[in-house]
């Protein structure tokens, strides 16, 4: 279904910080981090908020990422050393009216 919104996903850590600085008050950022302590994710959320975007975090409660976010969808998960089990996820950007891509 097409709703008329531009959606972008960034699978690595540095690009979301650059894109976050292009956001506007009509934009929404969804950040996924199991622990909420991943520095790149926290910094991306902080930058997005500085530019007026709303931040929704899917992360652990009482974490730096949760504290930075407008809305928190709490999750709990134990980290594991099993290499095929993902332990954190990159920033996902859902732009209100546009998508900036490299």
N, C-alpha and C. Protein backbone atom coordinates (compact mmCIF):
# COMPACT_ATOMS: atom_id res chain seq x y z
N UNK A 1 0.85 -1.16 0.00
CA UNK A 1 0.00 0.00 0.00
C UNK A 1 0.90 1.23 0.00
N UNK A 2 0.58 2.20 -0.80
CA UNK A 2 1.34 3.44 -0.87
C UNK A 2 0.60 4.52 -0.10
N UNK A 3 1.31 5.10 0.85
CA UNK A 3 0.71 6.13 1.70
C UNK A 3 1.24 7.53 1.40
N UNK A 4 2.19 7.64 0.49
CA UNK A 4 2.72 8.95 0.15
C UNK A 4 3.85 9.43 1.04
N UNK A 5 4.46 8.53 1.79
CA UNK A 5 5.57 8.90 2.66
C UNK A 5 6.86 8.29 2.13
N UNK A 6 7.93 9.08 2.18
CA UNK A 6 9.25 8.56 1.81
C UNK A 6 9.84 7.86 3.02
N UNK A 7 10.35 6.66 2.82
CA UNK A 7 10.93 5.87 3.91
C UNK A 7 12.36 5.48 3.50
N UNK A 8 13.31 5.67 4.38
CA UNK A 8 14.70 5.30 4.12
C UNK A 8 15.23 4.48 5.28
N UNK A 9 16.08 3.51 4.97
CA UNK A 9 16.74 2.70 5.99
C UNK A 9 18.25 2.80 5.77
N UNK A 10 18.97 2.94 6.86
CA UNK A 10 20.42 3.08 6.77
C UNK A 10 21.07 1.95 7.56
N UNK A 11 21.73 1.02 6.86
CA UNK A 11 22.25 -0.18 7.51
C UNK A 11 23.61 -0.04 8.18
N UNK A 12 24.20 1.13 8.19
CA UNK A 12 25.49 1.29 8.86
C UNK A 12 25.44 2.49 9.80
N UNK A 13 26.47 2.68 10.57
CA UNK A 13 26.39 3.60 11.70
C UNK A 13 26.63 5.08 11.40
N UNK A 14 27.45 5.42 10.43
CA UNK A 14 27.80 6.83 10.25
C UNK A 14 26.81 7.62 9.40
N UNK A 15 26.25 7.02 8.38
CA UNK A 15 25.32 7.73 7.51
C UNK A 15 24.10 8.28 8.25
N UNK A 16 23.53 7.55 9.22
CA UNK A 16 22.37 8.12 9.93
C UNK A 16 22.66 9.45 10.61
N UNK A 17 23.87 9.64 11.13
CA UNK A 17 24.20 10.93 11.77
C UNK A 17 24.21 12.05 10.75
N UNK A 18 24.73 11.78 9.55
CA UNK A 18 24.74 12.82 8.52
C UNK A 18 23.32 13.13 8.07
N UNK A 19 22.52 12.11 7.87
CA UNK A 19 21.14 12.32 7.43
C UNK A 19 20.32 13.01 8.51
N UNK A 20 20.59 12.70 9.77
CA UNK A 20 19.84 13.32 10.88
C UNK A 20 19.95 14.84 10.84
N UNK A 21 21.07 15.35 10.36
CA UNK A 21 21.24 16.81 10.31
C UNK A 21 20.46 17.47 9.18
N UNK A 22 19.79 16.68 8.34
CA UNK A 22 18.98 17.23 7.26
C UNK A 22 17.49 17.17 7.57
N UNK A 23 17.14 16.69 8.75
CA UNK A 23 15.73 16.49 9.08
C UNK A 23 15.03 17.79 9.44
N UNK A 24 13.72 17.73 9.42
CA UNK A 24 12.88 18.89 9.71
C UNK A 24 11.78 18.49 10.69
N UNK A 25 11.05 19.45 11.23
CA UNK A 25 10.00 19.14 12.21
C UNK A 25 8.91 18.18 11.72
N UNK A 26 8.71 18.02 10.43
CA UNK A 26 7.70 17.08 9.93
C UNK A 26 8.24 15.66 9.77
N UNK A 27 9.50 15.43 10.12
CA UNK A 27 10.12 14.12 9.95
C UNK A 27 10.06 13.31 11.24
N UNK A 28 10.08 11.99 11.05
CA UNK A 28 10.08 11.05 12.18
C UNK A 28 11.22 10.07 11.97
N UNK A 29 11.95 9.79 13.04
CA UNK A 29 13.04 8.83 13.01
C UNK A 29 12.68 7.68 13.95
N UNK A 30 12.88 6.45 13.47
CA UNK A 30 12.71 5.27 14.31
C UNK A 30 14.09 4.66 14.49
N UNK A 31 14.51 4.54 15.74
CA UNK A 31 15.83 4.01 16.06
C UNK A 31 15.65 2.69 16.81
N UNK A 32 16.37 1.67 16.35
CA UNK A 32 16.30 0.36 16.98
C UNK A 32 17.65 0.01 17.60
N UNK A 33 17.66 -0.28 18.89
CA UNK A 33 18.88 -0.68 19.58
C UNK A 33 18.48 -1.53 20.77
N UNK A 34 19.02 -2.73 20.85
CA UNK A 34 18.65 -3.63 21.94
C UNK A 34 19.00 -3.03 23.29
N UNK A 35 20.20 -2.50 23.43
CA UNK A 35 20.63 -1.99 24.73
C UNK A 35 20.29 -0.52 24.94
N UNK A 36 20.26 0.26 23.85
CA UNK A 36 20.05 1.70 23.98
C UNK A 36 21.31 2.45 24.34
N UNK A 37 22.44 1.78 24.29
CA UNK A 37 23.72 2.40 24.65
C UNK A 37 24.66 2.54 23.45
N UNK A 38 24.23 2.17 22.25
CA UNK A 38 25.09 2.27 21.08
C UNK A 38 25.33 3.75 20.78
N UNK A 39 26.58 4.22 20.90
CA UNK A 39 26.85 5.66 20.78
C UNK A 39 26.35 6.28 19.48
N UNK A 40 26.52 5.58 18.36
CA UNK A 40 26.09 6.13 17.08
C UNK A 40 24.58 6.31 17.02
N UNK A 41 23.84 5.40 17.61
CA UNK A 41 22.38 5.50 17.60
C UNK A 41 21.91 6.64 18.50
N UNK A 42 22.53 6.76 19.67
CA UNK A 42 22.17 7.83 20.60
C UNK A 42 22.49 9.19 19.97
N UNK A 43 23.67 9.32 19.37
CA UNK A 43 24.05 10.58 18.73
C UNK A 43 23.12 10.92 17.57
N UNK A 44 22.75 9.92 16.77
CA UNK A 44 21.83 10.17 15.66
C UNK A 44 20.49 10.68 16.16
N UNK A 45 20.00 10.08 17.23
CA UNK A 45 18.72 10.52 17.81
C UNK A 45 18.84 11.94 18.35
N UNK A 46 19.95 12.26 19.00
CA UNK A 46 20.14 13.61 19.53
C UNK A 46 20.18 14.64 18.41
N UNK A 47 20.89 14.33 17.33
CA UNK A 47 20.98 15.25 16.20
C UNK A 47 19.60 15.44 15.57
N UNK A 48 18.87 14.35 15.38
CA UNK A 48 17.53 14.44 14.79
C UNK A 48 16.63 15.35 15.63
N UNK A 49 16.70 15.22 16.94
CA UNK A 49 15.87 16.08 17.81
C UNK A 49 16.32 17.53 17.74
N UNK A 50 17.62 17.77 17.62
CA UNK A 50 18.11 19.15 17.49
C UNK A 50 17.52 19.84 16.26
N UNK A 51 17.26 19.06 15.22
CA UNK A 51 16.70 19.62 13.99
C UNK A 51 15.17 19.55 13.96
N UNK A 52 14.57 19.17 15.07
CA UNK A 52 13.12 19.22 15.20
C UNK A 52 12.37 17.96 14.87
N UNK A 53 13.04 16.91 14.43
CA UNK A 53 12.36 15.66 14.11
C UNK A 53 11.90 14.95 15.38
N UNK A 54 10.86 14.17 15.27
CA UNK A 54 10.40 13.33 16.38
C UNK A 54 11.18 12.02 16.33
N UNK A 55 11.54 11.51 17.51
CA UNK A 55 12.31 10.28 17.60
C UNK A 55 11.51 9.22 18.34
N UNK A 56 11.35 8.08 17.69
CA UNK A 56 10.71 6.91 18.29
C UNK A 56 11.80 5.86 18.44
N UNK A 57 12.01 5.37 19.65
CA UNK A 57 13.05 4.37 19.90
C UNK A 57 12.42 3.04 20.28
N UNK A 58 12.92 1.99 19.68
CA UNK A 58 12.59 0.63 20.08
C UNK A 58 13.84 0.14 20.78
N UNK A 59 13.81 0.16 22.11
CA UNK A 59 15.03 -0.06 22.88
C UNK A 59 14.71 -0.37 24.33
N UNK A 60 15.76 -0.55 25.11
CA UNK A 60 15.61 -0.80 26.55
C UNK A 60 15.21 0.48 27.28
N UNK A 61 14.30 0.35 28.22
CA UNK A 61 13.90 1.49 29.05
C UNK A 61 15.10 1.94 29.89
N UNK A 62 15.06 3.19 30.30
CA UNK A 62 16.09 3.77 31.17
C UNK A 62 17.49 3.71 30.55
N UNK A 63 17.55 3.77 29.24
CA UNK A 63 18.84 3.80 28.54
C UNK A 63 19.04 5.21 27.97
N UNK A 64 20.27 5.55 27.58
CA UNK A 64 20.50 6.86 26.98
C UNK A 64 19.63 7.11 25.75
N UNK A 65 19.41 6.08 24.94
CA UNK A 65 18.57 6.25 23.76
C UNK A 65 17.12 6.51 24.15
N UNK A 66 16.63 5.79 25.15
CA UNK A 66 15.26 6.01 25.62
C UNK A 66 15.11 7.43 26.17
N UNK A 67 16.12 7.90 26.90
CA UNK A 67 16.07 9.24 27.47
C UNK A 67 16.07 10.33 26.40
N UNK A 68 16.65 10.05 25.24
CA UNK A 68 16.74 11.01 24.14
C UNK A 68 15.48 11.04 23.29
N UNK A 69 14.66 10.01 23.37
CA UNK A 69 13.54 9.83 22.45
C UNK A 69 12.25 10.48 22.93
N UNK A 70 11.39 10.81 21.96
CA UNK A 70 10.06 11.33 22.27
C UNK A 70 9.11 10.20 22.68
N UNK A 71 9.24 9.07 22.03
CA UNK A 71 8.40 7.90 22.31
C UNK A 71 9.31 6.69 22.41
N UNK A 72 9.07 5.83 23.42
CA UNK A 72 9.86 4.61 23.60
C UNK A 72 8.93 3.41 23.53
N UNK A 73 9.28 2.47 22.67
CA UNK A 73 8.62 1.17 22.63
C UNK A 73 9.61 0.21 23.28
N UNK A 74 9.40 -0.14 24.55
CA UNK A 74 10.42 -0.88 25.30
C UNK A 74 10.56 -2.34 24.86
N UNK A 75 11.80 -2.78 24.84
CA UNK A 75 12.11 -4.18 24.60
C UNK A 75 13.12 -4.63 25.65
N UNK A 76 13.15 -5.91 25.89
CA UNK A 76 14.18 -6.50 26.75
C UNK A 76 14.73 -7.72 26.03
N UNK A 77 16.02 -7.85 26.06
CA UNK A 77 16.67 -8.97 25.40
C UNK A 77 18.04 -9.15 26.02
N UNK A 78 18.42 -10.38 26.17
CA UNK A 78 19.77 -10.65 26.66
C UNK A 78 20.72 -10.68 25.48
N UNK A 79 21.85 -9.99 25.61
CA UNK A 79 22.86 -10.04 24.56
C UNK A 79 23.46 -11.44 24.55
N UNK A 80 23.90 -11.84 23.39
CA UNK A 80 24.48 -13.17 23.26
C UNK A 80 25.74 -13.09 22.41
N UNK A 81 26.61 -14.06 22.58
CA UNK A 81 27.81 -14.08 21.76
C UNK A 81 27.63 -14.95 20.52
N UNK A 82 26.45 -15.47 20.32
CA UNK A 82 26.16 -16.27 19.14
C UNK A 82 26.21 -15.35 17.92
N UNK A 83 27.14 -15.60 17.00
CA UNK A 83 27.40 -14.64 15.92
C UNK A 83 26.26 -14.47 14.93
N UNK A 84 25.35 -15.41 14.88
CA UNK A 84 24.26 -15.29 13.91
C UNK A 84 23.01 -14.68 14.50
N UNK A 85 23.06 -14.27 15.75
CA UNK A 85 21.92 -13.65 16.41
C UNK A 85 22.16 -12.16 16.48
N UNK A 86 21.33 -11.34 15.84
CA UNK A 86 21.56 -9.89 15.87
C UNK A 86 21.36 -9.32 17.27
N UNK A 87 22.24 -8.39 17.64
CA UNK A 87 22.12 -7.80 18.97
C UNK A 87 21.78 -6.32 18.93
N UNK A 88 21.89 -5.69 17.79
CA UNK A 88 21.46 -4.31 17.65
C UNK A 88 21.15 -4.05 16.18
N UNK A 89 20.39 -3.01 15.94
CA UNK A 89 19.92 -2.74 14.59
C UNK A 89 20.19 -1.28 14.25
N UNK A 90 20.36 -0.95 12.97
CA UNK A 90 20.66 0.43 12.58
C UNK A 90 19.45 1.34 12.63
N UNK A 91 19.77 2.60 12.54
CA UNK A 91 18.73 3.63 12.52
C UNK A 91 17.85 3.47 11.29
N UNK A 92 16.57 3.64 11.48
CA UNK A 92 15.62 3.63 10.37
C UNK A 92 14.96 5.00 10.33
N UNK A 93 14.96 5.61 9.18
CA UNK A 93 14.41 6.95 9.05
C UNK A 93 13.14 6.91 8.23
N UNK A 94 12.08 7.42 8.77
CA UNK A 94 10.82 7.52 8.04
C UNK A 94 10.52 9.00 7.86
N UNK A 95 10.92 9.54 6.74
CA UNK A 95 10.75 10.97 6.50
C UNK A 95 9.30 11.33 6.26
N UNK A 96 8.87 12.44 6.84
CA UNK A 96 7.50 12.86 6.67
C UNK A 96 7.15 13.18 5.23
N UNK A 97 8.05 13.83 4.51
CA UNK A 97 7.72 14.23 3.15
C UNK A 97 8.86 14.01 2.16
N UNK A 98 9.99 13.53 2.61
CA UNK A 98 11.11 13.40 1.69
C UNK A 98 12.08 12.35 2.19
N UNK A 99 12.97 11.95 1.31
CA UNK A 99 13.99 10.97 1.67
C UNK A 99 15.31 11.46 1.10
N UNK A 100 16.32 11.54 1.92
CA UNK A 100 17.64 11.95 1.46
C UNK A 100 18.48 10.69 1.33
N UNK A 101 19.04 10.47 0.17
CA UNK A 101 19.87 9.28 0.00
C UNK A 101 21.17 9.66 -0.68
N UNK A 102 22.19 8.87 -0.43
CA UNK A 102 23.51 9.15 -1.01
C UNK A 102 23.62 8.50 -2.37
